[in-house]
Amino acid sequence: MTETRTETREETQKETRQTPVRRPRGPRRKYALLDLAAPVLAVLFAMAVASVALLVIGKNPLAVYGTMFAFSFGRLDSVAAILYKATPLIFSGLAVAVGFRAKLFNIGVEGQYLIGAFCASWVGFAVKGLPAAVHLPLVVLAGALGGALWALVPIWLKVKRGVHEVISTIMLNHTAFLLLHYLIADVFMDKTQVIVGGAGSPRVRMPLMEPTALMPKLHGLADLIGVELPSHSSLNWMLVFGILLAAGLWYLVWRTPFGVELRAVGHSPDAAEAAGINPSAVYFKTFLMSGAIAGLVGLSDLIGHFGYLDIDFPRGYGFTGIAVALVARNNSLGIILAALLFGFLSRGGLGIQVLEKVPMETYVILQGLIILTIVVFWEVIRRYVRARQKREEASADAQC
């Protein structure tokens, strides 16, 4: 009888220990609201600090911000311009964020997207006779492959020789620029250009891409939803592709076995290895994926606007993508919003320069302050949430 009671008591205690403690949902919602409030508070704080700079140069902050918003959202072509400027930043931010998930600092997105643009351009003008349904995907694939190949060198050096990826990728950025300059200005320069009027000199660019290699504009889709985009807008389907890619990456990171491995290696490579995960294999796959996405950064400009690759092809997207990923905290869906924010700042900065005669430096200050304050605010909130959760867990354990 006594043995039966003892066994029953032990089983009850065991079940009690195994029963998970239910945490109240209220605090979780509160923490989620804090996460959402952080970027809003950071932007407001950055605007307040930037207002001081505006007052110093004799400008009315309210008038400047009013002009910034009116210029950006007052006309449909300005909204389209914001979306167009955000498109390459979505790809750039995703490329950086994928690497950050595994604690890989891909500072080489700048060089990778230039090489990707070259590969896409070459396939675009050298391959002829294909229908658009085949040629266009081939061009996009060439861009991704070019970025991945340029990322292969630094990740091989890291995995096989222990070279830190920050050093190798920074060096390869400059190498990519010099290589691209040589290829465009010498090897593949289009020397068949016709100079109008016989004056001047030909552009330093590669040959024009085939029409079948160009990305269609979004005017058809806009018409279906009742929006009439301006005829001069270059907004194209790369924006839709970027949004779909962001959703796909979110699913990959949070809903697949590889995503579990990726996050585990990012948290602790040693613990992941003890659990049977090969960190080197995860590093290799992740960095190549990051490079492939980076190779798509310049395609919105290349196949959606210019139709050729020249020596003045837009640069800087790779470094801005780092800021986009930081602002979005490496969240794939948040990167879309962060890219739109930077697109708005770029468009609004142009408006206040032209209409309010505000120096370009003021816009740069505002952009830098927003990046800095969002990162700081989120770090403060992260530490606050972690401290509160520890106190709540300690209180729940004491009640048990």
Protein backbone atom coordinates (compact mmCIF):
# COMPACT_ATOMS: atom_id res chain seq x y z
CA MET A 1 0.00 0.00 0.00
CA THR A 2 2.78 2.37 0.98
CA GLU A 3 4.72 1.51 -2.18
CA THR A 4 1.62 2.23 -4.31
CA ARG A 5 1.19 5.67 -2.71
CA THR A 6 4.87 6.45 -3.20
CA GLU A 7 4.73 5.48 -6.89
CA THR A 8 1.57 7.57 -7.38
CA ARG A 9 3.22 10.58 -5.74
CA GLU A 10 6.33 10.22 -7.90
CA GLU A 11 4.24 9.94 -11.09
CA THR A 12 2.27 13.05 -10.12
CA GLN A 13 5.46 15.01 -9.48
CA LYS A 14 6.91 13.82 -12.81
CA GLU A 15 3.78 14.92 -14.71
CA THR A 16 3.91 18.28 -12.94
CA ARG A 17 7.51 18.79 -13.97
CA GLN A 18 6.73 17.86 -17.59
CA THR A 19 3.65 20.08 -17.83
CA PRO A 20 4.75 23.32 -19.51
CA VAL A 21 4.05 26.54 -17.69
CA ARG A 22 1.57 28.59 -19.67
CA ARG A 23 2.76 32.10 -20.17
CA PRO A 24 0.16 34.86 -20.34
CA ARG A 25 -0.44 36.23 -23.80
CA GLY A 26 -0.68 39.80 -22.62
CA PRO A 27 3.09 40.38 -22.19
CA ARG A 28 3.79 38.79 -25.59
CA ARG A 29 1.43 41.24 -27.26
CA LYS A 30 3.02 44.08 -25.34
CA TYR A 31 6.49 43.07 -26.52
CA ALA A 32 5.23 42.78 -30.10
CA LEU A 33 3.83 46.31 -29.85
CA LEU A 34 7.19 47.51 -28.56
CA ASP A 35 8.88 45.97 -31.61
CA LEU A 36 6.44 47.76 -33.90
CA ALA A 37 6.79 51.06 -32.03
CA ALA A 38 10.60 51.08 -32.15
CA PRO A 39 11.02 52.17 -35.80
CA VAL A 40 8.25 54.77 -35.50
CA LEU A 41 9.81 56.32 -32.39
CA ALA A 42 13.24 56.18 -34.00
CA VAL A 43 12.05 58.03 -37.12
CA LEU A 44 10.36 60.70 -35.00
CA PHE A 45 13.49 61.11 -32.89
CA ALA A 46 15.67 61.35 -35.99
CA MET A 47 13.36 64.00 -37.44
CA ALA A 48 13.58 65.96 -34.19
CA VAL A 49 17.38 65.90 -34.22
CA ALA A 50 17.49 66.76 -37.93
CA SER A 51 15.21 69.71 -37.17
CA VAL A 52 18.03 71.23 -35.15
CA ALA A 53 20.30 71.05 -38.19
CA LEU A 54 17.58 72.68 -40.29
CA LEU A 55 17.16 75.50 -37.78
CA VAL A 56 20.90 76.09 -37.77
CA ILE A 57 20.89 76.69 -41.54
CA GLY A 58 17.84 78.92 -41.27
CA LYS A 59 15.14 76.54 -42.54
CA ASN A 60 11.70 75.87 -41.06
CA PRO A 61 11.59 72.14 -40.18
CA LEU A 62 7.81 71.91 -40.57
CA ALA A 63 7.97 73.49 -44.03
CA VAL A 64 10.82 71.21 -45.08
CA TYR A 65 9.11 68.03 -43.89
CA GLY A 66 5.82 69.17 -45.43
CA THR A 67 7.55 69.68 -48.77
CA MET A 68 9.26 66.31 -48.43
CA PHE A 69 5.96 64.47 -47.98
CA ALA A 70 4.06 66.53 -50.56
CA PHE A 71 6.76 66.03 -53.18
CA SER A 72 6.93 62.28 -52.50
CA PHE A 73 3.23 61.46 -52.32
CA GLY A 74 1.52 64.36 -54.05
CA ARG A 75 1.81 62.86 -57.53
CA LEU A 76 1.59 59.35 -58.89
CA ASP A 77 4.92 59.57 -60.71
CA SER A 78 6.64 60.36 -57.40
CA VAL A 79 5.08 57.29 -55.76
CA ALA A 80 6.21 55.21 -58.74
CA ALA A 81 9.70 56.69 -58.36
CA ILE A 82 9.79 55.65 -54.70
CA LEU A 83 8.80 52.10 -55.62
CA TYR A 84 11.39 52.05 -58.40
CA LYS A 85 14.15 53.26 -56.07
CA ALA A 86 13.13 50.71 -53.44
CA THR A 87 13.30 47.76 -55.85
CA PRO A 88 17.11 47.26 -55.93
CA LEU A 89 17.27 47.94 -52.19
CA ILE A 90 14.90 45.03 -51.53
CA PHE A 91 17.29 42.63 -53.25
CA SER A 92 20.33 44.23 -51.63
CA GLY A 93 18.81 44.10 -48.16
CA LEU A 94 17.78 40.47 -48.62
CA ALA A 95 21.29 39.53 -49.76
CA VAL A 96 22.82 41.10 -46.66
CA ALA A 97 20.16 39.75 -44.29
CA VAL A 98 20.56 36.14 -45.45
CA GLY A 99 24.24 36.30 -44.57
CA PHE A 100 23.58 38.01 -41.25
CA ARG A 101 21.29 35.13 -40.23
CA ALA A 102 24.33 32.85 -40.20
CA LYS A 103 26.57 35.59 -38.75
CA LEU A 104 28.21 36.08 -42.15
CA PHE A 105 28.97 39.69 -43.03
CA ASN A 106 28.60 39.91 -46.78
CA ILE A 107 30.07 43.35 -47.39
CA GLY A 108 30.64 42.32 -51.01
CA VAL A 109 27.10 42.83 -52.32
CA GLU A 110 28.36 45.90 -54.17
CA GLY A 111 30.84 43.91 -56.24
CA GLN A 112 28.58 40.90 -56.61
CA TYR A 113 25.74 42.88 -58.15
CA LEU A 114 28.10 44.58 -60.60
CA ILE A 115 29.38 41.20 -61.79
CA GLY A 116 25.80 39.92 -61.90
CA ALA A 117 24.79 42.90 -64.04
CA PHE A 118 27.67 42.20 -66.43
CA CYS A 119 26.70 38.53 -66.83
CA ALA A 120 23.06 39.45 -67.40
CA SER A 121 24.05 42.11 -69.93
CA TRP A 122 26.27 39.69 -71.84
CA VAL A 123 23.50 37.07 -72.07
CA GLY A 124 21.10 39.85 -73.02
CA PHE A 125 22.97 40.97 -76.13
CA ALA A 126 25.06 37.92 -77.10
CA VAL A 127 22.24 35.35 -77.09
CA LYS A 128 19.87 35.96 -80.00
CA GLY A 129 16.84 34.32 -81.52
CA LEU A 130 15.19 33.18 -78.28
CA PRO A 131 11.62 34.05 -77.33
CA ALA A 132 11.13 36.39 -74.41
CA ALA A 133 9.69 33.57 -72.29
CA VAL A 134 13.09 31.85 -72.48
CA HIS A 135 15.51 34.73 -72.94
CA LEU A 136 14.34 36.89 -70.02
CA PRO A 137 14.52 34.12 -67.37
CA LEU A 138 17.93 33.20 -68.77
CA VAL A 139 19.12 36.79 -68.28
CA VAL A 140 17.85 36.83 -64.67
CA LEU A 141 19.49 33.47 -64.02
CA ALA A 142 22.77 34.77 -65.46
CA GLY A 143 22.67 37.72 -63.06
CA ALA A 144 22.12 35.44 -60.07
CA LEU A 145 24.85 33.06 -61.24
CA GLY A 146 27.31 35.93 -61.69
CA GLY A 147 26.71 37.16 -58.14
CA ALA A 148 27.05 33.64 -56.74
CA LEU A 149 30.32 33.03 -58.60
CA TRP A 150 31.78 36.28 -57.25
CA ALA A 151 30.72 35.20 -53.74
CA LEU A 152 32.36 31.80 -54.19
CA VAL A 153 35.89 33.14 -53.65
CA PRO A 154 35.39 34.74 -50.20
CA ILE A 155 33.35 31.85 -48.79
CA TRP A 156 35.91 29.33 -50.04
CA LEU A 157 38.66 31.36 -48.38
CA LYS A 158 36.66 31.46 -45.14
CA VAL A 159 35.75 27.78 -45.01
CA LYS A 160 39.08 26.39 -46.27
CA ARG A 161 41.61 28.98 -45.10
CA GLY A 162 39.87 30.87 -42.28
CA VAL A 163 40.01 34.25 -44.03
CA HIS A 164 37.36 36.58 -42.63
CA GLU A 165 34.69 37.37 -45.19
CA VAL A 166 34.68 41.11 -44.40
CA ILE A 167 38.28 41.50 -45.55
CA SER A 168 37.95 39.40 -48.70
CA THR A 169 34.61 40.90 -49.79
CA ILE A 170 35.78 44.48 -49.34
CA MET A 171 38.83 43.75 -51.48
CA LEU A 172 36.71 42.00 -54.11
CA ASN A 173 34.40 45.03 -54.35
CA HIS A 174 37.21 47.12 -55.74
CA THR A 175 38.39 44.25 -57.92
CA ALA A 176 34.89 43.92 -59.39
CA PHE A 177 34.77 47.64 -60.22
CA LEU A 178 38.14 47.55 -61.98
CA LEU A 179 37.28 44.35 -63.85
CA LEU A 180 33.95 45.78 -64.96
CA HIS A 181 35.64 48.96 -66.15
CA TYR A 182 38.03 46.93 -68.27
CA LEU A 183 35.32 44.69 -69.72
CA ILE A 184 33.00 47.58 -70.60
CA ALA A 185 35.58 50.07 -71.86
CA ASP A 186 37.74 47.61 -73.77
CA VAL A 187 36.64 44.02 -74.36
CA PHE A 188 32.89 44.43 -74.89
CA MET A 189 32.53 48.12 -75.70
CA ASP A 190 29.95 48.75 -78.41
CA LYS A 191 31.93 50.46 -81.18
CA THR A 192 29.07 50.43 -83.66
CA GLN A 193 27.25 53.33 -82.03
CA VAL A 194 26.02 56.03 -84.37
CA ILE A 195 26.84 59.57 -83.26
CA VAL A 196 23.97 61.92 -84.01
CA GLY A 197 25.21 64.91 -86.04
CA GLY A 198 28.71 63.47 -86.25
CA ALA A 199 29.83 65.34 -83.13
CA GLY A 200 30.94 63.95 -79.79
CA SER A 201 32.14 60.48 -78.93
CA PRO A 202 30.40 57.12 -78.43
CA ARG A 203 29.23 56.14 -74.95
CA VAL A 204 31.43 53.78 -73.00
CA ARG A 205 28.91 50.95 -72.85
CA MET A 206 28.26 47.39 -73.91
CA PRO A 207 25.93 46.64 -76.86
CA LEU A 208 22.20 47.12 -76.47
CA MET A 209 20.38 44.09 -75.08
CA GLU A 210 17.86 42.26 -77.22
CA PRO A 211 14.20 43.33 -76.74
CA THR A 212 13.41 39.78 -75.59
CA ALA A 213 15.82 40.26 -72.67
CA LEU A 214 14.10 43.34 -71.23
CA MET A 215 11.77 43.26 -68.24
CA PRO A 216 8.20 44.44 -68.93
CA LYS A 217 6.91 47.52 -67.12
CA LEU A 218 4.17 47.35 -64.51
CA HIS A 219 1.74 49.50 -66.50
CA GLY A 220 -0.40 46.52 -67.48
CA LEU A 221 -0.75 45.34 -63.89
CA ALA A 222 -1.47 48.90 -62.73
CA ASP A 223 -4.24 49.23 -65.31
CA LEU A 224 -5.88 46.06 -63.97
CA ILE A 225 -6.16 47.57 -60.49
CA GLY A 226 -7.30 50.94 -61.79
CA VAL A 227 -4.02 52.86 -61.48
CA GLU A 228 -2.70 54.78 -64.45
CA LEU A 229 1.08 54.91 -64.21
CA PRO A 230 2.85 57.71 -66.09
CA SER A 231 4.23 56.60 -69.44
CA HIS A 232 7.77 57.64 -68.46
CA SER A 233 7.79 55.50 -65.29
CA SER A 234 10.37 52.69 -65.30
CA LEU A 235 8.63 50.69 -62.56
CA ASN A 236 8.87 47.07 -63.67
CA TRP A 237 8.18 43.49 -62.65
CA MET A 238 11.42 43.23 -60.68
CA LEU A 239 9.51 44.89 -57.83
CA VAL A 240 6.98 42.04 -57.77
CA PHE A 241 9.82 39.52 -58.05
CA GLY A 242 11.56 41.14 -55.06
CA ILE A 243 8.42 40.98 -52.91
CA LEU A 244 7.87 37.32 -53.80
CA LEU A 245 11.52 36.56 -53.08
CA ALA A 246 11.24 38.22 -49.66
CA ALA A 247 8.22 36.05 -48.84
CA GLY A 248 10.04 32.96 -50.07
CA LEU A 249 13.09 33.70 -47.93
CA TRP A 250 10.91 34.24 -44.88
CA TYR A 251 9.41 30.78 -45.45
CA LEU A 252 12.86 29.28 -46.00
CA VAL A 253 14.28 30.72 -42.76
CA TRP A 254 11.31 30.00 -40.48
CA ARG A 255 9.53 26.99 -41.98
CA THR A 256 12.16 24.64 -43.45
CA PRO A 257 14.82 22.30 -42.01
CA PHE A 258 17.56 24.34 -43.68
CA GLY A 259 16.19 27.45 -41.98
CA VAL A 260 16.53 25.69 -38.62
CA GLU A 261 20.15 24.84 -39.42
CA LEU A 262 20.80 28.39 -40.62
CA ARG A 263 19.47 29.96 -37.43
CA ALA A 264 21.20 27.40 -35.23
CA VAL A 265 24.58 28.12 -36.81
CA GLY A 266 23.90 31.84 -36.51
CA HIS A 267 23.20 31.53 -32.77
CA SER A 268 26.08 29.21 -31.94
CA PRO A 269 28.22 27.29 -34.46
CA ASP A 270 29.67 25.07 -31.74
CA ALA A 271 26.27 24.09 -30.36
CA ALA A 272 24.97 23.50 -33.89
CA GLU A 273 27.94 21.24 -34.65
CA ALA A 274 27.32 19.31 -31.43
CA ALA A 275 23.74 18.78 -32.63
CA GLY A 276 24.98 17.21 -35.86
CA ILE A 277 24.92 20.27 -38.13
CA ASN A 278 27.90 21.01 -40.36
CA PRO A 279 28.55 24.78 -39.95
CA SER A 280 30.91 24.92 -42.94
CA ALA A 281 28.24 23.48 -45.25
CA VAL A 282 25.67 25.96 -43.94
CA TYR A 283 28.13 28.84 -44.39
CA PHE A 284 28.86 27.75 -47.94
CA LYS A 285 25.20 27.40 -49.00
CA THR A 286 24.13 30.61 -47.25
CA PHE A 287 26.87 32.76 -48.72
CA LEU A 288 26.27 31.49 -52.24
CA MET A 289 22.56 32.21 -51.76
CA SER A 290 23.45 35.70 -50.58
CA GLY A 291 25.65 36.23 -53.63
CA ALA A 292 22.95 34.95 -55.99
CA ILE A 293 20.44 37.42 -54.57
CA ALA A 294 23.07 40.18 -54.78
CA GLY A 295 23.46 39.41 -58.47
CA LEU A 296 19.83 40.50 -58.97
CA VAL A 297 20.27 43.94 -57.38
CA GLY A 298 21.14 45.80 -60.58
CA LEU A 299 18.63 44.10 -62.87
CA SER A 300 15.82 46.57 -62.22
CA ASP A 301 18.01 49.31 -63.71
CA LEU A 302 19.64 47.12 -66.35
CA ILE A 303 16.71 45.30 -67.94
CA GLY A 304 13.92 47.50 -66.66
CA HIS A 305 15.27 50.93 -67.58
CA PHE A 306 18.57 51.32 -69.46
CA GLY A 307 18.72 48.21 -71.62
CA TYR A 308 22.53 48.29 -71.65
CA LEU A 309 25.43 48.28 -69.20
CA ASP A 310 27.63 51.36 -69.26
CA ILE A 311 30.51 52.75 -67.26
CA ASP A 312 28.15 54.96 -65.24
CA PHE A 313 25.87 52.13 -64.10
CA PRO A 314 24.32 53.01 -60.68
CA ARG A 315 26.48 52.10 -57.71
CA GLY A 316 26.07 52.17 -53.95
CA TYR A 317 23.14 49.76 -53.63
CA GLY A 318 25.30 47.19 -51.89
CA PHE A 319 26.30 49.48 -49.03
CA THR A 320 22.79 50.91 -48.68
CA GLY A 321 21.51 47.34 -48.46
CA ILE A 322 23.49 46.90 -45.23
CA ALA A 323 21.56 49.79 -43.72
CA VAL A 324 18.27 48.37 -45.03
CA ALA A 325 18.99 44.98 -43.42
CA LEU A 326 19.93 46.62 -40.10
CA VAL A 327 16.81 48.76 -40.04
CA ALA A 328 14.66 45.69 -40.80
CA ARG A 329 16.54 43.55 -38.24
CA ASN A 330 17.18 40.97 -40.96
CA ASN A 331 13.46 40.26 -41.28
CA SER A 332 12.72 39.42 -44.91
CA LEU A 333 9.29 41.06 -44.91
CA GLY A 334 10.53 44.04 -42.90
CA ILE A 335 13.16 44.65 -45.58
CA ILE A 336 10.38 45.61 -48.00
CA LEU A 337 9.23 48.37 -45.63
CA ALA A 338 12.80 49.47 -44.93
CA ALA A 339 13.53 49.69 -48.66
CA LEU A 340 10.41 51.79 -49.15
CA LEU A 341 11.58 54.09 -46.34
CA PHE A 342 14.92 54.62 -48.07
CA GLY A 343 13.15 55.12 -51.39
CA PHE A 344 11.01 57.79 -49.77
CA LEU A 345 14.04 59.49 -48.22
CA SER A 346 15.79 59.53 -51.59
CA ARG A 347 12.80 60.98 -53.41
CA GLY A 348 11.95 63.41 -50.62
CA GLY A 349 15.58 64.50 -50.37
CA LEU A 350 15.50 65.45 -54.03
CA GLY A 351 12.33 67.47 -53.44
CA ILE A 352 13.67 69.53 -50.56
CA GLN A 353 16.89 70.22 -52.47
CA VAL A 354 15.00 71.63 -55.44
CA LEU A 355 12.08 73.35 -53.74
CA GLU A 356 13.45 74.32 -50.31
CA LYS A 357 17.10 74.76 -51.32
CA VAL A 358 18.14 72.45 -48.51
CA PRO A 359 21.72 71.14 -48.92
CA MET A 360 22.20 67.49 -49.78
CA GLU A 361 24.12 67.04 -46.52
CA THR A 362 20.92 67.58 -44.53
CA TYR A 363 19.25 64.64 -46.26
CA VAL A 364 22.33 62.50 -45.56
CA ILE A 365 22.18 63.53 -41.89
CA LEU A 366 18.50 62.55 -41.68
CA GLN A 367 19.15 59.20 -43.33
CA GLY A 368 22.08 58.45 -41.04
CA LEU A 369 20.14 59.46 -37.94
CA ILE A 370 17.24 57.19 -38.85
CA ILE A 371 19.58 54.22 -39.29
CA LEU A 372 21.42 54.93 -36.04
CA THR A 373 18.36 55.59 -33.91
CA ILE A 374 16.43 52.55 -35.17
CA VAL A 375 19.38 50.27 -34.38
CA VAL A 376 19.82 51.86 -30.93
CA PHE A 377 16.10 51.84 -30.11
CA TRP A 378 15.76 48.18 -31.04
CA GLU A 379 18.80 47.23 -28.98
CA VAL A 380 17.41 49.06 -25.96
CA ILE A 381 14.01 47.40 -26.41
CA ARG A 382 15.64 43.98 -26.91
CA ARG A 383 17.51 44.29 -23.63
CA TYR A 384 14.40 45.55 -21.84
CA VAL A 385 12.29 42.65 -23.15
CA ARG A 386 14.96 40.12 -22.23
CA ALA A 387 15.20 41.48 -18.67
CA ARG A 388 11.41 41.47 -18.26
CA GLN A 389 11.12 37.92 -19.59
CA LYS A 390 13.76 36.70 -17.15
CA ARG A 391 11.89 38.31 -14.24
CA GLU A 392 8.59 36.80 -15.40
CA GLU A 393 10.14 33.35 -15.79
CA ALA A 394 11.71 33.59 -12.34
CA SER A 395 8.35 34.64 -10.89
CA ALA A 396 6.53 31.78 -12.65
CA ASP A 397 9.11 29.26 -11.44
CA ALA A 398 8.75 30.56 -7.87
CA GLN A 399 4.97 30.08 -8.02
CA CYS A 400 5.41 26.49 -9.17
